[in-house]
Protein backbone atom coordinates (compact mmCIF):
# COMPACT_ATOMS: atom_id res chain seq x y z
CA UNK A 1 8.74 -11.67 10.47
CA UNK A 2 12.07 -9.82 10.10
CA UNK A 3 14.39 -9.67 7.05
CA UNK A 4 13.42 -11.06 3.66
CA UNK A 5 9.88 -11.91 2.71
CA UNK A 6 9.53 -15.13 0.90
CA UNK A 7 6.58 -15.73 -1.51
CA UNK A 8 8.27 -18.73 -3.01
CA UNK A 9 11.42 -20.66 -2.24
CA UNK A 10 13.53 -19.35 -5.11
CA UNK A 11 15.02 -15.92 -5.25
CA UNK A 12 14.93 -13.52 -8.19
CA UNK A 13 17.14 -10.55 -7.42
CA UNK A 14 17.83 -9.98 -11.16
CA UNK A 15 14.17 -9.60 -12.17
CA UNK A 16 14.09 -5.78 -12.09
CA UNK A 17 15.44 -5.19 -15.57
CA UNK A 18 12.84 -7.37 -17.13
CA UNK A 19 9.73 -5.99 -15.58
CA UNK A 20 9.50 -2.59 -17.17
CA UNK A 21 8.56 -3.40 -20.75
CA UNK A 22 5.47 -1.95 -22.56
CA UNK A 23 3.41 -5.13 -21.75
CA UNK A 24 3.67 -4.30 -18.02
CA UNK A 25 2.56 -0.75 -18.66
CA UNK A 26 -0.24 -1.66 -20.90
CA UNK A 27 -1.49 -4.59 -18.83
CA UNK A 28 -1.20 -7.28 -21.49
CA UNK A 29 -0.99 -11.01 -21.03
CA UNK A 30 1.64 -11.16 -18.29
CA UNK A 31 2.64 -14.63 -17.29
CA UNK A 32 4.22 -15.25 -13.91
CA UNK A 33 7.25 -17.53 -13.64
CA UNK A 34 7.98 -19.99 -10.84
CA UNK A 35 9.81 -17.13 -9.07
CA UNK A 36 7.19 -14.37 -9.62
CA UNK A 37 3.52 -13.60 -9.12
CA UNK A 38 1.01 -11.28 -10.60
CA UNK A 39 -1.03 -8.71 -8.63
CA UNK A 40 -3.52 -6.14 -9.71
CA UNK A 41 -2.71 -2.68 -8.49
CA UNK A 42 -5.16 0.20 -7.87
CA UNK A 43 -4.75 1.53 -11.43
CA UNK A 44 -6.16 -1.89 -12.40
CA UNK A 45 -2.81 -2.89 -13.97
CA UNK A 46 -1.37 -6.30 -13.74
CA UNK A 47 2.11 -6.14 -12.24
CA UNK A 48 4.65 -8.91 -12.06
CA UNK A 49 6.18 -9.07 -8.58
CA UNK A 50 9.52 -10.73 -7.72
CA UNK A 51 9.17 -13.82 -5.56
CA UNK A 52 11.62 -12.58 -2.92
CA UNK A 53 11.38 -9.00 -1.80
CA UNK A 54 14.14 -7.36 0.15
CA UNK A 55 14.43 -3.95 -1.57
CA UNK A 56 11.26 -1.82 -1.86
CA UNK A 57 10.80 1.94 -2.22
CA UNK A 58 7.85 4.09 -1.37
CA UNK A 59 7.28 7.45 -3.21
CA UNK A 60 4.59 10.04 -2.76
CA UNK A 61 2.22 7.42 -1.20
CA UNK A 62 3.33 8.91 2.16
CA UNK A 63 1.61 6.65 4.68
CA UNK A 64 2.35 3.36 2.93
CA UNK A 65 5.53 2.45 4.74
CA UNK A 66 3.54 2.12 7.94
CA UNK A 67 1.04 -0.11 6.14
CA UNK A 68 3.97 -2.30 4.99
CA UNK A 69 5.12 -2.55 8.56
CA UNK A 70 1.82 -3.58 10.01
CA UNK A 71 1.31 -6.08 7.17
CA UNK A 72 4.75 -7.65 7.55
CA UNK A 73 6.07 -6.76 11.08
CA UNK A 74 9.18 -5.46 9.29
CA UNK A 75 10.73 -2.33 7.72
CA UNK A 76 13.98 -4.10 6.81
CA UNK A 77 12.93 -4.29 3.18
CA UNK A 78 12.28 -0.56 2.84
CA UNK A 79 15.30 1.03 1.29
CA UNK A 80 13.78 4.34 0.34
CA UNK A 81 10.84 6.61 1.44
CA UNK A 82 9.72 10.13 0.68
CA UNK A 83 11.37 12.80 2.88
CA UNK A 84 7.92 13.67 4.36
CA UNK A 85 7.45 10.07 5.33
CA UNK A 86 10.97 9.86 6.79
CA UNK A 87 10.25 12.94 8.97
CA UNK A 88 7.03 11.36 10.26
CA UNK A 89 8.87 8.08 10.83
CA UNK A 90 11.81 9.72 12.74
CA UNK A 91 9.29 11.50 15.07
CA UNK A 92 7.12 8.40 15.54
CA UNK A 93 7.14 5.36 17.75
CA UNK A 94 8.01 3.18 14.67
CA UNK A 95 11.68 4.14 15.09
CA UNK A 96 11.56 2.22 18.36
CA UNK A 97 9.55 -0.74 17.08
CA UNK A 98 11.58 -1.14 13.83
CA UNK A 99 14.80 1.04 13.79
CA UNK A 100 15.68 -0.03 10.35
CA UNK A 101 13.11 2.55 8.96
CA UNK A 102 15.69 5.20 9.77
CA UNK A 103 18.18 3.52 7.31
CA UNK A 104 15.77 4.30 4.37
CA UNK A 105 17.14 6.82 1.89
CA UNK A 106 15.25 9.96 0.77
CA UNK A 107 17.64 11.38 -1.80
CA UNK A 108 15.63 10.02 -4.76
CA UNK A 109 13.03 12.74 -4.23
CA UNK A 110 14.10 16.27 -5.28
CA UNK A 111 11.75 19.18 -5.19
CA UNK A 112 8.82 16.78 -4.93
CA UNK A 113 9.85 14.85 -8.04
CA UNK A 114 11.47 11.41 -8.47
CA UNK A 115 15.11 11.55 -9.59
CA UNK A 116 15.34 8.32 -11.59
CA UNK A 117 19.20 8.23 -11.51
CA UNK A 118 19.20 8.45 -7.65
CA UNK A 119 16.35 5.94 -7.44
CA UNK A 120 18.28 3.43 -9.55
CA UNK A 121 21.15 3.53 -7.01
CA UNK A 122 18.79 2.00 -4.48
CA UNK A 123 18.24 -0.95 -6.85
CA UNK A 124 14.48 -1.23 -6.00
CA UNK A 125 12.70 -4.43 -6.88
CA UNK A 126 9.33 -2.71 -6.45
CA UNK A 127 8.42 0.94 -6.27
CA UNK A 128 5.07 1.97 -4.61
CA UNK A 129 3.52 5.21 -5.90
CA UNK A 130 0.28 7.15 -5.46
CA UNK A 131 -2.21 6.28 -8.19
CA UNK A 132 -2.96 9.86 -9.23
CA UNK A 133 0.74 10.24 -10.33
CA UNK A 134 0.07 8.29 -13.47
CA UNK A 135 2.79 10.13 -15.44
CA UNK A 136 5.30 9.17 -12.75
CA UNK A 137 4.17 5.51 -12.78
CA UNK A 138 4.48 5.44 -16.56
CA UNK A 139 7.96 7.00 -16.44
CA UNK A 140 9.14 4.52 -13.80
CA UNK A 141 7.80 1.52 -15.76
CA UNK A 142 9.49 2.82 -18.99
CA UNK A 143 12.74 3.01 -17.06
CA UNK A 144 12.46 -0.66 -16.05
CA UNK A 145 11.31 -0.19 -12.43
CA UNK A 146 8.42 -2.40 -11.38
CA UNK A 147 5.83 -0.02 -9.96
CA UNK A 148 2.66 -0.65 -7.92
CA UNK A 149 0.09 2.15 -7.78
CA UNK A 150 -2.03 2.68 -4.63
CA UNK A 151 -5.08 4.97 -4.58
CA UNK A 152 -5.98 7.24 -1.69
CA UNK A 153 -9.44 8.09 -2.91
CA UNK A 154 -12.64 6.33 -2.10
CA UNK A 155 -16.40 6.87 -2.48
CA UNK A 156 -17.01 5.19 0.83
CA UNK A 157 -17.61 7.08 4.04
CA UNK A 158 -15.82 4.29 5.95
CA UNK A 159 -12.43 5.77 7.07
CA UNK A 160 -10.97 2.32 7.23
CA UNK A 161 -11.64 1.39 3.51
CA UNK A 162 -8.34 2.80 2.18
CA UNK A 163 -6.22 1.06 4.84
CA UNK A 164 -8.13 -2.13 4.35
CA UNK A 165 -7.48 -2.16 0.66
CA UNK A 166 -3.83 -1.41 1.14
CA UNK A 167 -3.48 -4.14 3.73
CA UNK A 168 -5.17 -6.57 1.38
CA UNK A 169 -2.81 -5.57 -1.50
CA UNK A 170 0.22 -5.84 0.82
CA UNK A 171 -0.84 -9.37 1.72
CA UNK A 172 -1.00 -10.24 -1.98
CA UNK A 173 2.44 -8.65 -2.64
CA UNK A 174 4.18 -10.27 0.29
CA UNK A 175 2.18 -13.48 0.71
CA UNK A 176 1.59 -12.56 4.38
CA UNK A 177 -2.20 -12.40 5.14
CA UNK A 178 -2.73 -13.21 8.83
CA UNK A 179 -1.63 -9.76 10.15
CA UNK A 180 -3.62 -7.70 7.64
CA UNK A 181 -6.73 -9.74 8.28
CA UNK A 182 -6.43 -9.28 12.09
CA UNK A 183 -6.08 -5.55 11.93
CA UNK A 184 -9.00 -5.17 9.43
CA UNK A 185 -11.10 -7.19 11.86
CA UNK A 186 -10.01 -5.05 14.79
CA UNK A 187 -11.07 -1.86 12.94
CA UNK A 188 -14.44 -3.24 11.98
CA UNK A 189 -15.01 -4.33 15.57
CA UNK A 190 -14.19 -0.84 16.82
CA UNK A 191 -16.45 0.84 14.32
CA UNK A 192 -19.40 -1.45 15.32
CA UNK A 193 -18.87 -0.61 19.01
CA UNK A 194 -18.95 3.11 18.18
CA UNK A 195 -22.01 2.79 15.93
CA UNK A 196 -23.85 0.86 18.61
CA UNK A 197 -22.94 3.34 21.27
CA UNK A 198 -24.05 6.34 19.18
CA UNK A 199 -27.23 4.75 17.89
CA UNK A 200 -29.51 6.78 20.09
CA UNK A 201 -27.63 10.13 19.79
CA UNK A 202 -29.66 12.79 18.02
CA UNK A 203 -28.19 14.94 15.26
CA UNK A 204 -28.65 18.05 17.36
CA UNK A 205 -26.60 16.53 20.15
CA UNK A 206 -23.52 15.81 17.96
CA UNK A 207 -20.59 18.22 18.15
CA UNK A 208 -19.83 20.50 15.20
CA UNK A 209 -16.29 19.70 14.19
CA UNK A 210 -13.57 21.25 12.01
CA UNK A 211 -10.28 19.82 10.92
CA UNK A 212 -7.31 22.20 10.51
CA UNK A 213 -5.23 20.56 7.76
CA UNK A 214 -2.60 23.16 6.84
CA UNK A 215 -2.00 26.27 8.96
CA UNK A 216 0.45 29.12 9.42
CA UNK A 217 0.43 32.89 9.60
CA UNK A 218 -0.47 33.06 5.92
CA UNK A 219 -2.67 30.00 5.45
CA UNK A 220 -5.75 28.31 6.92
CA UNK A 221 -6.72 25.23 4.88
CA UNK A 222 -9.63 23.00 5.85
CA UNK A 223 -10.71 19.69 4.39
CA UNK A 224 -14.35 18.97 3.63
CA UNK A 225 -16.13 16.28 1.55
CA UNK A 226 -14.16 13.37 0.12
CA UNK A 227 -11.32 13.84 2.64
CA UNK A 228 -10.14 11.69 5.54
CA UNK A 229 -11.30 14.22 8.08
CA UNK A 230 -14.87 14.13 6.87
CA UNK A 231 -14.88 10.36 7.14
CA UNK A 232 -13.36 10.28 10.63
CA UNK A 233 -15.89 12.87 11.81
CA UNK A 234 -18.90 10.98 10.57
CA UNK A 235 -17.61 7.64 11.84
CA UNK A 236 -17.21 9.03 15.33
CA UNK A 237 -20.44 10.91 15.85
CA UNK A 238 -19.59 14.44 14.75
CA UNK A 239 -20.96 16.93 12.25
CA UNK A 240 -18.37 18.28 9.72
CA UNK A 241 -18.92 22.07 9.58
CA UNK A 242 -17.07 22.30 6.23
CA UNK A 243 -18.67 19.50 4.23
CA UNK A 244 -21.44 21.59 2.63
CA UNK A 245 -18.99 24.24 1.37
CA UNK A 246 -15.76 22.44 0.70
CA UNK A 247 -14.99 19.53 -1.55
CA UNK A 248 -11.38 18.42 -1.02
CA UNK A 249 -9.16 20.95 0.71
CA UNK A 250 -9.65 24.73 0.53
CA UNK A 251 -8.04 27.80 1.99
CA UNK A 252 -10.50 29.72 4.12
CA UNK A 253 -10.39 32.98 6.15
CA UNK A 254 -11.24 33.67 9.76
CA UNK A 255 -14.60 35.10 8.75
CA UNK A 256 -15.64 31.66 7.47
CA UNK A 257 -14.43 30.01 10.69
CA UNK A 258 -16.38 32.56 12.76
CA UNK A 259 -19.47 31.54 10.72
CA UNK A 260 -18.87 27.87 11.41
CA UNK A 261 -17.88 28.42 15.05
CA UNK A 262 -16.99 24.72 15.59
CA UNK A 263 -17.40 23.04 18.94
CA UNK A 264 -14.26 20.98 18.43
CA UNK A 265 -11.09 21.55 16.23
CA UNK A 266 -8.71 18.77 15.23
CA UNK A 267 -5.27 19.74 14.00
CA UNK A 268 -3.48 17.29 11.65
CA UNK A 269 0.26 16.42 11.72
CA UNK A 270 0.70 18.04 8.29
CA UNK A 271 0.99 21.36 10.07
CA UNK A 272 3.29 22.54 12.84
CA UNK A 273 0.45 24.30 14.71
CA UNK A 274 -0.38 23.02 18.20
CA UNK A 275 -3.54 23.63 20.25
CA UNK A 276 -1.64 25.99 22.55
CA UNK A 277 -0.94 28.21 19.51
CA UNK A 278 -4.66 28.70 19.04
CA UNK A 279 -5.26 29.11 22.77
CA UNK A 280 -2.56 31.79 22.99
CA UNK A 281 -3.60 33.55 19.78
CA UNK A 282 -0.08 33.66 18.34
CA UNK A 283 -0.93 34.10 14.70
CA UNK A 284 -0.89 37.47 13.05
CA UNK A 285 -4.29 38.60 11.77
CA UNK A 286 -6.11 35.54 13.29
CA UNK A 287 -8.21 35.97 16.39
CA UNK A 288 -9.05 32.49 17.47
CA UNK A 289 -10.34 33.59 20.86
CA UNK A 290 -13.79 34.09 19.41
CA UNK A 291 -14.19 30.42 18.40
CA UNK A 292 -16.12 28.15 20.78
CA UNK A 293 -13.70 25.25 20.51
CA UNK A 294 -10.87 27.56 21.61
CA UNK A 295 -12.90 29.02 24.47
CA UNK A 296 -13.82 25.57 25.72
CA UNK A 297 -10.22 24.24 25.25
CA UNK A 298 -11.45 21.55 22.80
CA UNK A 299 -8.69 21.83 20.22
CA UNK A 300 -6.78 18.56 19.78
CA UNK A 301 -3.61 17.65 17.91
CA UNK A 302 -4.12 14.35 16.11
CA UNK A 303 -1.87 11.59 17.50
CA UNK A 304 1.18 10.11 15.69
CA UNK A 305 1.93 6.47 16.44
CA UNK A 306 3.65 4.34 13.81
CA UNK A 307 2.43 7.10 11.46
CA UNK A 308 0.18 10.17 11.51
CA UNK A 309 -3.35 9.14 12.57
CA UNK A 310 -5.18 11.34 10.12
CA UNK A 311 -4.51 9.45 6.84
CA UNK A 312 -4.65 5.70 6.62
CA UNK A 313 -2.18 4.09 9.05
CA UNK A 314 -1.74 0.91 11.07
CA UNK A 315 -3.20 2.72 14.08
CA UNK A 316 -6.48 3.53 12.35
CA UNK A 317 -8.55 1.25 14.71
CA UNK A 318 -7.12 3.40 17.58
CA UNK A 319 -7.98 6.64 15.78
CA UNK A 320 -11.61 5.62 15.81
CA UNK A 321 -11.63 5.09 19.57
CA UNK A 322 -9.63 8.30 20.19
CA UNK A 323 -11.80 10.61 18.16
CA UNK A 324 -15.07 8.98 19.38
CA UNK A 325 -13.97 9.70 23.00
CA UNK A 326 -13.07 13.32 22.16
CA UNK A 327 -16.42 13.84 20.43
CA UNK A 328 -18.48 12.09 23.07
CA UNK A 329 -16.50 11.76 26.34
CA UNK A 330 -19.65 11.09 28.25
CA UNK A 331 -20.30 7.92 26.20
CA UNK A 332 -16.81 6.50 25.80
CA UNK A 333 -15.18 6.18 29.15
CA UNK A 334 -12.37 3.70 28.34
CA UNK A 335 -8.79 4.55 29.20
CA UNK A 336 -7.16 5.59 25.93
CA UNK A 337 -3.66 5.10 27.33
CA UNK A 338 -4.54 1.53 28.16
CA UNK A 339 -6.18 1.01 24.78
CA UNK A 340 -3.01 2.13 22.97
CA UNK A 341 -0.79 -0.11 25.08
CA UNK A 342 -3.03 -3.08 24.52
CA UNK A 343 -3.22 -2.52 20.73
CA UNK A 344 0.62 -2.24 20.46
CA UNK A 345 1.14 -5.35 22.52
CA UNK A 346 -1.31 -7.41 20.51
CA UNK A 347 -0.50 -6.24 16.96
CA UNK A 348 3.05 -5.04 17.13
CA UNK A 349 4.28 -7.27 20.02
CA UNK A 350 5.62 -4.16 21.72
CA UNK A 351 5.26 -2.93 25.32
CA UNK A 352 4.85 0.78 25.42
CA UNK A 353 6.05 2.88 28.29
CA UNK A 354 3.88 5.65 29.80
CA UNK A 355 6.29 8.12 28.21
CA UNK A 356 5.92 6.57 24.78
CA UNK A 357 2.11 6.67 25.02
CA UNK A 358 2.37 10.36 25.91
CA UNK A 359 4.58 10.95 22.85
CA UNK A 360 1.97 9.29 20.62
CA UNK A 361 -0.77 11.47 22.02
CA UNK A 362 1.26 14.65 21.96
CA UNK A 363 3.32 14.70 18.81
CA UNK A 364 5.81 17.52 18.35
CA UNK A 365 5.62 20.28 15.71
CA UNK A 366 8.75 18.86 14.17
CA UNK A 367 6.83 15.93 12.93
CA UNK A 368 5.25 18.08 10.20
CA UNK A 369 8.57 19.39 8.92
CA UNK A 370 10.54 17.95 5.93
């Protein structure tokens, strides 16, 4: 569905000024009109949403623009996104599927903060923000900007839970539910297939895996418990070498990595580092040649499809299959190129070329810059 998203027949382009009062912030007795609806966001606040949405903005909730796309099959309504999100989009396949994403503005974010005056020039009907930025959410609401908070955290080990929540909420916001439900079902089907295939694999036969989140000459940061990497590793039959020592993301030194000596290393798209950089030992003061994953050439850059595959994205069901095959190539013998083409045709109604699939599986370092 392209263009405007209709929840009801009437339009309400003038609603913005009336949605930012204290009742909205404090979650008190909101009453929807014929042209609006109420949703509950992930700060458990009731938010009154305009009945017709054609101007939405995404802030520090970086992956959400891709969730919006898969939930609606459109980016025409997105008039602003974070510069980091824009950089990922401009280096992604989404620019080919929905070129209007490149029309989104980024100037409302300055030094990582929201510039309210610049944001107001975009005339947003709804602003989507990360839930842990409660001060920003409050500030936006006090300014009169209807704001929906989305949470990135979860107690679940299921790597699809965050995406599933966002898709469900997107369906509530837009009134479009068939696409979110189909992708949620696809992810659950893929996870069951992986679980069934790995059911007889012993713990000692699982690869020991490390995720390299941020990396440069001066930094080596690794995620552990309560991070996306930990969930992906467990869901695809690996052992997270960092989970017993790191909660969240932590900077480590090479001595710690020598101690872990992972069998496989995955590099996120939040760093410019490529596998060849580790293979060629290009970083000052870092000797990666002693690490088993490097010696065995089992260092992989995470793909970038409509968004980075590491955090929640519309390609999450594909991420499961991709990582399961990397962790256990002897058990998962499907053609990943074909899997990607099939997924994009079924869910995005887009026929990928071989060159585009190669781009998804081999994203450039530029995708991490902003």
